[in-house]
Amino acid sequence: MRNQVTLWMRNQMNNFNKLLMMESVCLAKAFGSAANMIATSLDSREMLTKKYSSANSNLIELEKRGCTIVHGVDANTMSHHPLLRGKSFDRIIFNFPHAGFFFREHDSLQIGMHQTLVRGFLSSARNMLKEKGEVHVTHKIADPFDRWEIEKLATEVGLFLVGKAWFYKSDYPGYENKRGSGHKFNKGFPVGLCMTFKFAKASENEQ
């Protein structure tokens, strides 16, 4: 599965500490430094460098910018990871979640697998949000991807929509989206029409 999550934690200096899974280099360059960044991946470092042609150079770039890198972090259970447990963040971001290629994208079983992944991520992310924190999910909005019902999944785990924004790949120089699964895992994919959905924790009265 593609497992690319970003978490931001505000520190006492009012800067952002950032925990990322894959889009780390692009954001690190945009921020000018990765000194307060933790980059994570589901795969081990060895597996990343075997699967993705640019992985090693990206890892080296992050380390040069002062980033801490942690591997073996699952988006569904990240709130229980030893290095993340008990921490809370201002922003948690997942770009183009995908459960892997098992059926055709229009197949109800495939859609169900995607929904399970996203629901698990949103539930775990909710447990890691600060009071006014937000979870951002960037997702295609054309059929069949709209059938994932991202907003409904968020509601199910106690999150509510606070906004949407169009996602344009051109806004992130150097960003390369990868399939991450199947025999073409190192290939990109057309993002088409997509949006970033922004969610916040619902109060006890709103649930």
N, C-alpha and C. Protein backbone atom coordinates (compact mmCIF):
# COMPACT_ATOMS: atom_id res chain seq x y z
N MET A 1 0.84 -1.19 0.00
CA MET A 1 0.00 0.00 0.00
C MET A 1 0.87 1.24 0.00
N ARG A 2 0.36 2.34 -0.54
CA ARG A 2 1.08 3.60 -0.41
C ARG A 2 0.84 4.10 1.00
N ASN A 3 1.91 4.41 1.69
CA ASN A 3 1.79 4.82 3.09
C ASN A 3 2.58 6.09 3.28
N GLN A 4 1.98 7.24 3.00
CA GLN A 4 2.67 8.51 2.95
C GLN A 4 1.94 9.53 3.82
N VAL A 5 2.36 9.62 5.05
CA VAL A 5 1.65 10.45 6.01
C VAL A 5 2.56 11.56 6.52
N THR A 6 1.99 12.72 6.77
CA THR A 6 2.74 13.85 7.31
C THR A 6 2.07 14.30 8.60
N LEU A 7 2.86 14.46 9.65
CA LEU A 7 2.34 14.99 10.91
C LEU A 7 3.17 16.20 11.31
N TRP A 8 2.51 17.26 11.72
CA TRP A 8 3.20 18.47 12.18
C TRP A 8 2.88 18.71 13.65
N MET A 9 3.91 18.95 14.45
CA MET A 9 3.70 19.24 15.86
C MET A 9 4.31 20.60 16.17
N ARG A 10 3.51 21.52 16.69
CA ARG A 10 4.02 22.85 17.02
C ARG A 10 4.86 22.77 18.29
N ASN A 11 6.05 23.39 18.24
CA ASN A 11 6.88 23.36 19.44
C ASN A 11 6.79 24.69 20.19
N GLN A 12 7.58 24.84 21.24
CA GLN A 12 7.47 26.03 22.08
C GLN A 12 7.92 27.29 21.37
N MET A 13 8.66 27.12 20.26
CA MET A 13 9.13 28.28 19.50
C MET A 13 8.14 28.65 18.41
N ASN A 14 6.96 27.98 18.41
CA ASN A 14 5.89 28.27 17.46
C ASN A 14 6.28 27.88 16.04
N ASN A 15 7.27 26.98 15.90
CA ASN A 15 7.59 26.41 14.61
C ASN A 15 6.87 25.08 14.50
N PHE A 16 7.04 24.41 13.35
CA PHE A 16 6.42 23.11 13.19
C PHE A 16 7.48 22.01 13.20
N ASN A 17 7.26 20.99 14.04
CA ASN A 17 8.00 19.75 13.90
C ASN A 17 7.16 18.92 12.94
N LYS A 18 7.79 18.27 11.99
CA LYS A 18 7.03 17.59 10.96
C LYS A 18 7.43 16.13 10.89
N LEU A 19 6.45 15.22 10.85
CA LEU A 19 6.72 13.81 10.67
C LEU A 19 6.11 13.40 9.34
N LEU A 20 6.94 12.89 8.42
CA LEU A 20 6.50 12.61 7.08
C LEU A 20 6.81 11.18 6.69
N MET A 21 6.07 10.65 5.73
CA MET A 21 6.41 9.32 5.23
C MET A 21 7.06 9.35 3.87
N MET A 22 6.61 10.13 2.92
CA MET A 22 7.27 10.11 1.63
C MET A 22 7.49 11.48 1.00
N GLU A 23 6.57 12.39 1.11
CA GLU A 23 6.72 13.69 0.44
C GLU A 23 7.70 14.60 1.18
N SER A 24 8.54 13.98 1.98
CA SER A 24 9.41 14.71 2.90
C SER A 24 10.38 15.65 2.22
N VAL A 25 11.05 15.18 1.18
CA VAL A 25 12.07 16.00 0.54
C VAL A 25 11.47 17.27 -0.04
N CYS A 26 10.34 17.13 -0.71
CA CYS A 26 9.68 18.29 -1.32
C CYS A 26 9.36 19.34 -0.26
N LEU A 27 8.79 18.91 0.86
CA LEU A 27 8.43 19.84 1.92
C LEU A 27 9.67 20.38 2.63
N ALA A 28 10.67 19.53 2.80
CA ALA A 28 11.89 19.98 3.46
C ALA A 28 12.53 21.12 2.67
N LYS A 29 12.53 21.00 1.35
CA LYS A 29 13.09 22.06 0.51
C LYS A 29 12.24 23.32 0.60
N ALA A 30 10.91 23.13 0.66
CA ALA A 30 10.02 24.28 0.75
C ALA A 30 10.22 25.03 2.06
N PHE A 31 10.45 24.28 3.15
CA PHE A 31 10.64 24.90 4.46
C PHE A 31 12.08 25.39 4.65
N GLY A 32 12.99 24.87 3.82
CA GLY A 32 14.37 25.30 3.91
C GLY A 32 15.21 24.50 4.89
N SER A 33 14.57 23.66 5.68
CA SER A 33 15.28 22.84 6.67
C SER A 33 14.39 21.68 7.08
N ALA A 34 15.03 20.59 7.51
CA ALA A 34 14.29 19.44 8.03
C ALA A 34 14.75 19.12 9.45
N ALA A 35 15.33 20.11 10.11
CA ALA A 35 15.88 19.89 11.45
C ALA A 35 14.82 19.45 12.44
N ASN A 36 13.59 19.91 12.24
CA ASN A 36 12.50 19.53 13.15
C ASN A 36 11.55 18.53 12.50
N MET A 37 12.07 17.77 11.54
CA MET A 37 11.24 16.83 10.78
C MET A 37 11.61 15.38 11.09
N ILE A 38 10.59 14.54 11.17
CA ILE A 38 10.79 13.09 11.24
C ILE A 38 10.11 12.51 10.01
N ALA A 39 10.86 11.81 9.18
CA ALA A 39 10.30 11.18 7.98
C ALA A 39 10.14 9.69 8.25
N THR A 40 8.98 9.16 7.93
CA THR A 40 8.74 7.74 8.19
C THR A 40 8.28 7.04 6.92
N SER A 41 8.46 5.72 6.90
CA SER A 41 7.99 4.90 5.79
C SER A 41 7.48 3.58 6.34
N LEU A 42 6.57 2.96 5.61
CA LEU A 42 6.11 1.62 5.97
C LEU A 42 7.21 0.60 5.71
N ASP A 43 7.91 0.76 4.59
CA ASP A 43 8.98 -0.16 4.23
C ASP A 43 10.26 0.11 5.02
N SER A 44 11.13 -0.88 5.06
CA SER A 44 12.45 -0.70 5.64
C SER A 44 13.29 0.13 4.68
N ARG A 45 14.39 0.67 5.16
CA ARG A 45 15.27 1.46 4.29
C ARG A 45 15.77 0.60 3.13
N GLU A 46 16.13 -0.64 3.42
CA GLU A 46 16.63 -1.54 2.38
C GLU A 46 15.56 -1.76 1.30
N MET A 47 14.33 -1.99 1.72
CA MET A 47 13.25 -2.22 0.77
C MET A 47 12.95 -0.98 -0.05
N LEU A 48 12.98 0.20 0.60
CA LEU A 48 12.73 1.45 -0.11
C LEU A 48 13.73 1.64 -1.25
N THR A 49 15.01 1.43 -0.96
CA THR A 49 16.03 1.66 -1.97
C THR A 49 15.96 0.63 -3.10
N LYS A 50 15.41 -0.54 -2.80
CA LYS A 50 15.24 -1.56 -3.85
C LYS A 50 14.04 -1.24 -4.73
N LYS A 51 12.98 -0.70 -4.12
CA LYS A 51 11.73 -0.47 -4.85
C LYS A 51 11.73 0.81 -5.66
N TYR A 52 12.32 1.88 -5.10
CA TYR A 52 12.18 3.20 -5.72
C TYR A 52 13.52 3.76 -6.17
N SER A 53 13.60 4.16 -7.42
CA SER A 53 14.86 4.61 -8.01
C SER A 53 15.42 5.85 -7.33
N SER A 54 14.56 6.70 -6.80
CA SER A 54 15.04 7.95 -6.19
C SER A 54 15.08 7.88 -4.66
N ALA A 55 14.79 6.73 -4.08
CA ALA A 55 14.69 6.63 -2.62
C ALA A 55 16.00 6.98 -1.92
N ASN A 56 17.10 6.42 -2.39
CA ASN A 56 18.36 6.65 -1.70
C ASN A 56 18.77 8.11 -1.72
N SER A 57 18.63 8.76 -2.87
CA SER A 57 19.00 10.18 -2.95
C SER A 57 18.08 11.03 -2.09
N ASN A 58 16.80 10.65 -2.01
CA ASN A 58 15.86 11.38 -1.15
C ASN A 58 16.22 11.23 0.32
N LEU A 59 16.58 10.01 0.72
CA LEU A 59 16.96 9.77 2.11
C LEU A 59 18.21 10.56 2.48
N ILE A 60 19.18 10.56 1.58
CA ILE A 60 20.42 11.30 1.83
C ILE A 60 20.13 12.80 1.93
N GLU A 61 19.27 13.30 1.05
CA GLU A 61 18.91 14.72 1.07
C GLU A 61 18.26 15.09 2.39
N LEU A 62 17.37 14.24 2.89
CA LEU A 62 16.69 14.51 4.16
C LEU A 62 17.70 14.53 5.31
N GLU A 63 18.60 13.55 5.31
CA GLU A 63 19.59 13.47 6.38
C GLU A 63 20.52 14.69 6.36
N LYS A 64 20.87 15.16 5.17
CA LYS A 64 21.71 16.35 5.07
C LYS A 64 21.00 17.57 5.65
N ARG A 65 19.68 17.58 5.55
CA ARG A 65 18.90 18.72 6.05
C ARG A 65 18.50 18.55 7.51
N GLY A 66 19.07 17.52 8.15
CA GLY A 66 18.85 17.34 9.58
C GLY A 66 17.62 16.55 9.96
N CYS A 67 17.06 15.84 9.01
CA CYS A 67 15.83 15.08 9.27
C CYS A 67 16.12 13.77 9.99
N THR A 68 15.22 13.39 10.89
CA THR A 68 15.25 12.06 11.52
C THR A 68 14.35 11.15 10.71
N ILE A 69 14.82 9.96 10.37
CA ILE A 69 14.06 9.04 9.52
C ILE A 69 13.73 7.78 10.31
N VAL A 70 12.46 7.40 10.27
CA VAL A 70 11.99 6.20 10.98
C VAL A 70 11.24 5.31 9.99
N HIS A 71 11.60 4.04 9.94
CA HIS A 71 10.96 3.09 9.02
C HIS A 71 10.05 2.14 9.80
N GLY A 72 9.19 1.45 9.08
CA GLY A 72 8.30 0.47 9.71
C GLY A 72 7.12 1.08 10.44
N VAL A 73 6.62 2.21 9.94
CA VAL A 73 5.47 2.88 10.56
C VAL A 73 4.23 2.65 9.69
N ASP A 74 3.23 1.99 10.23
CA ASP A 74 1.98 1.71 9.52
C ASP A 74 0.98 2.82 9.80
N ALA A 75 0.36 3.36 8.76
CA ALA A 75 -0.59 4.46 8.92
C ALA A 75 -1.78 4.08 9.79
N ASN A 76 -2.16 2.81 9.78
CA ASN A 76 -3.31 2.38 10.57
C ASN A 76 -3.03 2.27 12.05
N THR A 77 -1.77 2.07 12.41
CA THR A 77 -1.42 1.85 13.82
C THR A 77 -0.34 2.82 14.30
N MET A 78 -0.16 3.92 13.59
CA MET A 78 0.94 4.83 13.92
C MET A 78 0.85 5.41 15.32
N SER A 79 -0.36 5.53 15.85
CA SER A 79 -0.51 6.10 17.19
C SER A 79 0.07 5.18 18.27
N HIS A 80 0.33 3.91 17.90
CA HIS A 80 0.90 2.95 18.85
C HIS A 80 2.39 2.73 18.64
N HIS A 81 2.95 3.40 17.63
CA HIS A 81 4.38 3.22 17.37
C HIS A 81 5.18 3.77 18.55
N PRO A 82 6.23 3.05 18.98
CA PRO A 82 7.01 3.48 20.15
C PRO A 82 7.51 4.91 20.09
N LEU A 83 7.85 5.41 18.89
CA LEU A 83 8.38 6.76 18.78
C LEU A 83 7.29 7.81 18.62
N LEU A 84 6.04 7.39 18.46
CA LEU A 84 4.94 8.32 18.26
C LEU A 84 3.90 8.28 19.38
N ARG A 85 3.90 7.19 20.11
CA ARG A 85 2.90 7.01 21.16
C ARG A 85 2.94 8.17 22.16
N GLY A 86 1.77 8.76 22.42
CA GLY A 86 1.69 9.85 23.39
C GLY A 86 1.95 11.22 22.81
N LYS A 87 2.36 11.29 21.56
CA LYS A 87 2.63 12.60 20.93
C LYS A 87 1.35 13.12 20.26
N SER A 88 1.24 14.43 20.18
CA SER A 88 0.09 15.04 19.50
C SER A 88 0.60 16.07 18.49
N PHE A 89 -0.17 16.24 17.43
CA PHE A 89 0.28 17.03 16.30
C PHE A 89 -0.77 18.04 15.84
N ASP A 90 -0.30 19.08 15.17
CA ASP A 90 -1.18 20.10 14.61
C ASP A 90 -1.70 19.71 13.23
N ARG A 91 -0.91 18.99 12.46
CA ARG A 91 -1.31 18.57 11.13
C ARG A 91 -0.87 17.14 10.87
N ILE A 92 -1.77 16.34 10.32
CA ILE A 92 -1.45 14.97 9.92
C ILE A 92 -1.96 14.82 8.48
N ILE A 93 -1.07 14.51 7.55
CA ILE A 93 -1.40 14.55 6.13
C ILE A 93 -1.12 13.21 5.45
N PHE A 94 -2.05 12.74 4.66
CA PHE A 94 -1.90 11.51 3.89
C PHE A 94 -2.26 11.84 2.44
N ASN A 95 -1.27 11.80 1.55
CA ASN A 95 -1.50 12.05 0.13
C ASN A 95 -1.74 10.75 -0.63
N PHE A 96 -2.86 10.66 -1.30
CA PHE A 96 -3.21 9.53 -2.17
C PHE A 96 -3.07 8.17 -1.48
N PRO A 97 -3.82 7.93 -0.42
CA PRO A 97 -3.79 6.61 0.22
C PRO A 97 -4.25 5.53 -0.76
N HIS A 98 -3.69 4.34 -0.65
CA HIS A 98 -4.05 3.25 -1.56
C HIS A 98 -3.72 1.93 -0.88
N ALA A 99 -4.64 0.99 -0.92
CA ALA A 99 -4.47 -0.28 -0.21
C ALA A 99 -3.72 -1.33 -1.01
N GLY A 100 -3.32 -1.00 -2.24
CA GLY A 100 -2.65 -1.97 -3.09
C GLY A 100 -3.57 -2.44 -4.20
N PHE A 101 -2.99 -3.08 -5.22
CA PHE A 101 -3.76 -3.49 -6.39
C PHE A 101 -4.11 -4.96 -6.31
N PHE A 102 -5.34 -5.25 -5.94
CA PHE A 102 -5.81 -6.62 -5.82
C PHE A 102 -6.97 -6.90 -6.79
N PHE A 103 -7.81 -5.90 -7.01
CA PHE A 103 -8.92 -5.99 -7.94
C PHE A 103 -8.92 -4.72 -8.79
N ARG A 104 -9.83 -4.61 -9.73
CA ARG A 104 -9.95 -3.39 -10.50
C ARG A 104 -10.47 -2.28 -9.59
N GLU A 105 -10.07 -1.04 -9.87
CA GLU A 105 -10.44 0.08 -9.00
C GLU A 105 -11.95 0.24 -8.85
N HIS A 106 -12.72 -0.18 -9.85
CA HIS A 106 -14.18 -0.06 -9.77
C HIS A 106 -14.82 -1.17 -8.95
N ASP A 107 -14.05 -2.22 -8.65
CA ASP A 107 -14.59 -3.37 -7.94
C ASP A 107 -14.93 -2.99 -6.49
N SER A 108 -16.08 -3.43 -6.03
CA SER A 108 -16.52 -3.09 -4.67
C SER A 108 -15.57 -3.64 -3.61
N LEU A 109 -14.94 -4.79 -3.88
CA LEU A 109 -13.99 -5.36 -2.92
C LEU A 109 -12.75 -4.47 -2.80
N GLN A 110 -12.29 -3.95 -3.94
CA GLN A 110 -11.13 -3.06 -3.93
C GLN A 110 -11.46 -1.77 -3.20
N ILE A 111 -12.63 -1.22 -3.48
CA ILE A 111 -13.05 0.01 -2.81
C ILE A 111 -13.16 -0.21 -1.31
N GLY A 112 -13.66 -1.38 -0.92
CA GLY A 112 -13.77 -1.72 0.49
C GLY A 112 -12.42 -1.77 1.17
N MET A 113 -11.42 -2.29 0.47
CA MET A 113 -10.07 -2.35 1.03
C MET A 113 -9.50 -0.94 1.23
N HIS A 114 -9.76 -0.08 0.25
CA HIS A 114 -9.30 1.31 0.38
C HIS A 114 -9.98 1.98 1.58
N GLN A 115 -11.26 1.74 1.72
CA GLN A 115 -12.00 2.36 2.82
C GLN A 115 -11.48 1.88 4.17
N THR A 116 -11.14 0.60 4.25
CA THR A 116 -10.59 0.06 5.50
C THR A 116 -9.28 0.75 5.85
N LEU A 117 -8.43 0.95 4.84
CA LEU A 117 -7.15 1.64 5.05
C LEU A 117 -7.37 3.07 5.53
N VAL A 118 -8.22 3.80 4.83
CA VAL A 118 -8.43 5.21 5.16
C VAL A 118 -9.11 5.36 6.51
N ARG A 119 -10.08 4.52 6.79
CA ARG A 119 -10.78 4.58 8.08
C ARG A 119 -9.80 4.32 9.23
N GLY A 120 -8.92 3.32 9.04
CA GLY A 120 -7.93 3.01 10.06
C GLY A 120 -6.96 4.16 10.27
N PHE A 121 -6.53 4.78 9.17
CA PHE A 121 -5.63 5.93 9.27
C PHE A 121 -6.30 7.08 10.01
N LEU A 122 -7.52 7.41 9.61
CA LEU A 122 -8.23 8.53 10.23
C LEU A 122 -8.45 8.29 11.72
N SER A 123 -8.76 7.06 12.08
CA SER A 123 -8.97 6.74 13.49
C SER A 123 -7.67 6.90 14.29
N SER A 124 -6.56 6.41 13.72
CA SER A 124 -5.27 6.52 14.38
C SER A 124 -4.84 7.99 14.46
N ALA A 125 -5.07 8.71 13.36
CA ALA A 125 -4.68 10.12 13.31
C ALA A 125 -5.45 10.94 14.33
N ARG A 126 -6.73 10.64 14.50
CA ARG A 126 -7.55 11.38 15.46
C ARG A 126 -6.95 11.30 16.86
N ASN A 127 -6.40 10.14 17.19
CA ASN A 127 -5.81 9.95 18.52
C ASN A 127 -4.51 10.73 18.70
N MET A 128 -3.97 11.28 17.59
CA MET A 128 -2.70 11.97 17.66
C MET A 128 -2.84 13.47 17.43
N LEU A 129 -4.07 13.96 17.28
CA LEU A 129 -4.30 15.37 17.01
C LEU A 129 -4.34 16.21 18.28
N LYS A 130 -3.80 17.42 18.18
CA LYS A 130 -4.00 18.39 19.24
C LYS A 130 -5.43 18.90 19.16
N GLU A 131 -5.82 19.67 20.14
CA GLU A 131 -7.21 20.12 20.22
C GLU A 131 -7.69 20.80 18.95
N LYS A 132 -6.86 21.63 18.36
CA LYS A 132 -7.24 22.35 17.15
C LYS A 132 -6.47 21.84 15.93
N GLY A 133 -6.00 20.61 16.01
CA GLY A 133 -5.26 20.02 14.91
C GLY A 133 -6.16 19.59 13.76
N GLU A 134 -5.54 19.30 12.63
CA GLU A 134 -6.28 18.89 11.44
C GLU A 134 -5.63 17.68 10.78
N VAL A 135 -6.47 16.84 10.17
CA VAL A 135 -6.03 15.73 9.35
C VAL A 135 -6.33 16.08 7.90
N HIS A 136 -5.34 16.01 7.02
CA HIS A 136 -5.53 16.32 5.61
C HIS A 136 -5.35 15.05 4.78
N VAL A 137 -6.31 14.76 3.92
CA VAL A 137 -6.22 13.62 3.00
C VAL A 137 -6.38 14.13 1.58
N THR A 138 -5.37 13.94 0.75
CA THR A 138 -5.46 14.32 -0.65
C THR A 138 -5.89 13.10 -1.45
N HIS A 139 -6.93 13.29 -2.28
CA HIS A 139 -7.58 12.14 -2.90
C HIS A 139 -8.21 12.53 -4.24
N LYS A 140 -8.22 11.60 -5.17
CA LYS A 140 -8.89 11.82 -6.45
C LYS A 140 -10.40 11.91 -6.21
N ILE A 141 -11.07 12.72 -7.01
CA ILE A 141 -12.51 12.90 -6.79
C ILE A 141 -13.37 12.39 -7.94
N ALA A 142 -12.73 11.88 -9.00
CA ALA A 142 -13.50 11.31 -10.11
C ALA A 142 -13.91 9.88 -9.78
N ASP A 143 -14.89 9.35 -10.48
CA ASP A 143 -15.30 7.96 -10.32
C ASP A 143 -14.15 7.04 -10.74
N PRO A 144 -13.84 5.97 -10.00
CA PRO A 144 -14.58 5.41 -8.87
C PRO A 144 -14.08 5.88 -7.51
N PHE A 145 -13.11 6.80 -7.51
CA PHE A 145 -12.48 7.20 -6.26
C PHE A 145 -13.44 7.96 -5.34
N ASP A 146 -14.42 8.63 -5.93
CA ASP A 146 -15.40 9.32 -5.10
C ASP A 146 -16.25 8.34 -4.30
N ARG A 147 -16.25 7.07 -4.71
CA ARG A 147 -17.03 6.06 -3.99
C ARG A 147 -16.39 5.64 -2.67
N TRP A 148 -15.16 6.10 -2.44
CA TRP A 148 -14.53 5.80 -1.15
C TRP A 148 -15.25 6.52 -0.02
N GLU A 149 -15.91 7.62 -0.34
CA GLU A 149 -16.66 8.41 0.64
C GLU A 149 -15.78 8.85 1.81
N ILE A 150 -14.72 9.56 1.47
CA ILE A 150 -13.75 10.01 2.46
C ILE A 150 -14.41 10.78 3.61
N GLU A 151 -15.34 11.66 3.28
CA GLU A 151 -15.98 12.48 4.32
C GLU A 151 -16.80 11.61 5.27
N LYS A 152 -17.47 10.61 4.74
CA LYS A 152 -18.26 9.70 5.58
C LYS A 152 -17.35 8.90 6.51
N LEU A 153 -16.22 8.44 5.98
CA LEU A 153 -15.28 7.67 6.80
C LEU A 153 -14.76 8.51 7.96
N ALA A 154 -14.51 9.78 7.69
CA ALA A 154 -14.03 10.67 8.75
C ALA A 154 -15.08 10.84 9.83
N THR A 155 -16.33 11.01 9.42
CA THR A 155 -17.42 11.17 10.38
C THR A 155 -17.53 9.95 11.28
N GLU A 156 -17.32 8.77 10.70
CA GLU A 156 -17.44 7.52 11.45
C GLU A 156 -16.45 7.42 12.61
N VAL A 157 -15.31 8.11 12.49
CA VAL A 157 -14.29 8.01 13.54
C VAL A 157 -14.20 9.28 14.39
N GLY A 158 -15.19 10.17 14.25
CA GLY A 158 -15.23 11.34 15.11
C GLY A 158 -14.49 12.55 14.57
N LEU A 159 -14.40 12.67 13.24
CA LEU A 159 -13.80 13.84 12.62
C LEU A 159 -14.86 14.56 11.78
N PHE A 160 -14.71 15.86 11.58
CA PHE A 160 -15.65 16.58 10.74
C PHE A 160 -14.90 17.45 9.73
N LEU A 161 -15.51 17.68 8.59
CA LEU A 161 -14.87 18.44 7.52
C LEU A 161 -14.80 19.91 7.86
N VAL A 162 -13.60 20.49 7.75
CA VAL A 162 -13.44 21.93 7.99
C VAL A 162 -13.09 22.68 6.71
N GLY A 163 -12.78 21.95 5.63
CA GLY A 163 -12.49 22.62 4.38
C GLY A 163 -11.96 21.68 3.32
N LYS A 164 -11.97 22.17 2.07
CA LYS A 164 -11.43 21.43 0.93
C LYS A 164 -10.58 22.39 0.10
N ALA A 165 -9.58 21.85 -0.58
CA ALA A 165 -8.75 22.68 -1.46
C ALA A 165 -8.30 21.83 -2.64
N TRP A 166 -8.30 22.42 -3.82
CA TRP A 166 -7.80 21.72 -5.00
C TRP A 166 -6.33 21.40 -4.82
N PHE A 167 -5.92 20.21 -5.25
CA PHE A 167 -4.52 19.81 -5.18
C PHE A 167 -3.92 19.87 -6.58
N TYR A 168 -2.85 20.66 -6.73
CA TYR A 168 -2.15 20.78 -8.00
C TYR A 168 -0.71 20.33 -7.79
N LYS A 169 -0.33 19.29 -8.48
CA LYS A 169 1.02 18.74 -8.35
C LYS A 169 2.08 19.79 -8.64
N SER A 170 1.77 20.71 -9.54
CA SER A 170 2.74 21.75 -9.93
C SER A 170 3.08 22.69 -8.78
N ASP A 171 2.24 22.69 -7.74
CA ASP A 171 2.52 23.54 -6.57
C ASP A 171 3.64 22.98 -5.71
N TYR A 172 4.07 21.74 -5.99
CA TYR A 172 5.08 21.08 -5.17
C TYR A 172 6.23 20.62 -6.06
N PRO A 173 7.13 21.53 -6.44
CA PRO A 173 8.26 21.19 -7.30
C PRO A 173 9.06 20.01 -6.76
N GLY A 174 9.31 19.05 -7.61
CA GLY A 174 10.08 17.88 -7.20
C GLY A 174 9.24 16.73 -6.69
N TYR A 175 7.95 16.97 -6.48
CA TYR A 175 7.09 15.90 -5.96
C TYR A 175 6.84 14.84 -7.03
N GLU A 176 7.07 13.57 -6.68
CA GLU A 176 6.83 12.46 -7.59
C GLU A 176 5.93 11.45 -6.89
N ASN A 177 4.71 11.30 -7.38
CA ASN A 177 3.82 10.29 -6.82
C ASN A 177 4.14 8.94 -7.43
N LYS A 178 4.11 7.89 -6.62
CA LYS A 178 4.42 6.54 -7.06
C LYS A 178 3.25 5.61 -6.78
N ARG A 179 3.12 4.58 -7.63
CA ARG A 179 2.05 3.61 -7.44
C ARG A 179 2.24 2.86 -6.12
N GLY A 180 3.47 2.47 -5.81
CA GLY A 180 3.79 1.89 -4.51
C GLY A 180 3.41 0.44 -4.33
N SER A 181 2.70 -0.14 -5.31
CA SER A 181 2.26 -1.53 -5.19
C SER A 181 2.15 -2.12 -6.58
N GLY A 182 2.11 -3.46 -6.65
CA GLY A 182 2.00 -4.12 -7.94
C GLY A 182 3.33 -4.15 -8.67
N HIS A 183 3.33 -4.64 -9.91
CA HIS A 183 4.59 -4.78 -10.65
C HIS A 183 5.10 -3.46 -11.20
N LYS A 184 4.28 -2.40 -11.12
CA LYS A 184 4.71 -1.08 -11.57
C LYS A 184 4.85 -0.12 -10.38
N PHE A 185 5.30 -0.63 -9.24
CA PHE A 185 5.33 0.16 -8.00
C PHE A 185 6.16 1.43 -8.10
N ASN A 186 7.17 1.43 -8.99
CA ASN A 186 8.03 2.60 -9.11
C ASN A 186 7.54 3.58 -10.18
N LYS A 187 6.42 3.28 -10.79
CA LYS A 187 5.86 4.15 -11.82
C LYS A 187 4.93 5.19 -11.19
N GLY A 188 4.85 6.35 -11.85
CA GLY A 188 3.93 7.37 -11.39
C GLY A 188 2.51 7.07 -11.86
N PHE A 189 1.58 7.90 -11.50
CA PHE A 189 0.20 7.74 -11.95
C PHE A 189 -0.40 9.13 -12.13
N PRO A 190 -1.33 9.27 -13.07
CA PRO A 190 -1.96 10.59 -13.28
C PRO A 190 -2.87 10.93 -12.10
N VAL A 191 -2.67 12.09 -11.51
CA VAL A 191 -3.49 12.45 -10.35
C VAL A 191 -4.86 12.95 -10.77
N GLY A 192 -4.96 13.52 -11.98
CA GLY A 192 -6.26 14.00 -12.43
C GLY A 192 -6.85 15.03 -11.48
N LEU A 193 -8.18 15.07 -11.43
CA LEU A 193 -8.85 15.98 -10.51
C LEU A 193 -8.76 15.42 -9.09
N CYS A 194 -8.21 16.20 -8.19
CA CYS A 194 -8.11 15.73 -6.81
C CYS A 194 -8.17 16.92 -5.85
N MET A 195 -8.53 16.62 -4.64
CA MET A 195 -8.69 17.66 -3.62
C MET A 195 -8.04 17.20 -2.32
N THR A 196 -7.71 18.17 -1.50
CA THR A 196 -7.25 17.89 -0.14
C THR A 196 -8.41 18.16 0.80
N PHE A 197 -8.83 17.11 1.49
CA PHE A 197 -9.92 17.21 2.47
C PHE A 197 -9.30 17.47 3.84
N LYS A 198 -9.84 18.44 4.55
CA LYS A 198 -9.30 18.84 5.85
C LYS A 198 -10.31 18.54 6.95
N PHE A 199 -9.88 17.75 7.92
CA PHE A 199 -10.77 17.33 9.00
C PHE A 199 -10.22 17.74 10.37
N ALA A 200 -11.10 17.94 11.31
CA ALA A 200 -10.74 18.24 12.69
C ALA A 200 -11.54 17.33 13.61
N LYS A 201 -11.11 17.27 14.86
CA LYS A 201 -11.81 16.43 15.83
C LYS A 201 -13.17 17.03 16.17
N ALA A 202 -14.18 16.18 16.20
CA ALA A 202 -15.50 16.62 16.63
C ALA A 202 -15.52 16.62 18.15
N SER A 203 -16.23 17.56 18.74
CA SER A 203 -16.38 17.60 20.19
C SER A 203 -17.27 16.46 20.62
N GLU A 204 -17.27 16.17 21.91
CA GLU A 204 -18.10 15.09 22.42
C GLU A 204 -19.57 15.33 22.09
N ASN A 205 -20.01 16.58 22.08
CA ASN A 205 -21.41 16.90 21.80
C ASN A 205 -21.77 16.71 20.34
N GLU A 206 -20.74 16.78 19.46
CA GLU A 206 -20.99 16.68 18.02
C GLU A 206 -20.96 15.26 17.53
N GLN A 207 -20.40 14.32 18.31
CA GLN A 207 -20.30 12.95 17.88
C GLN A 207 -21.63 12.23 18.05
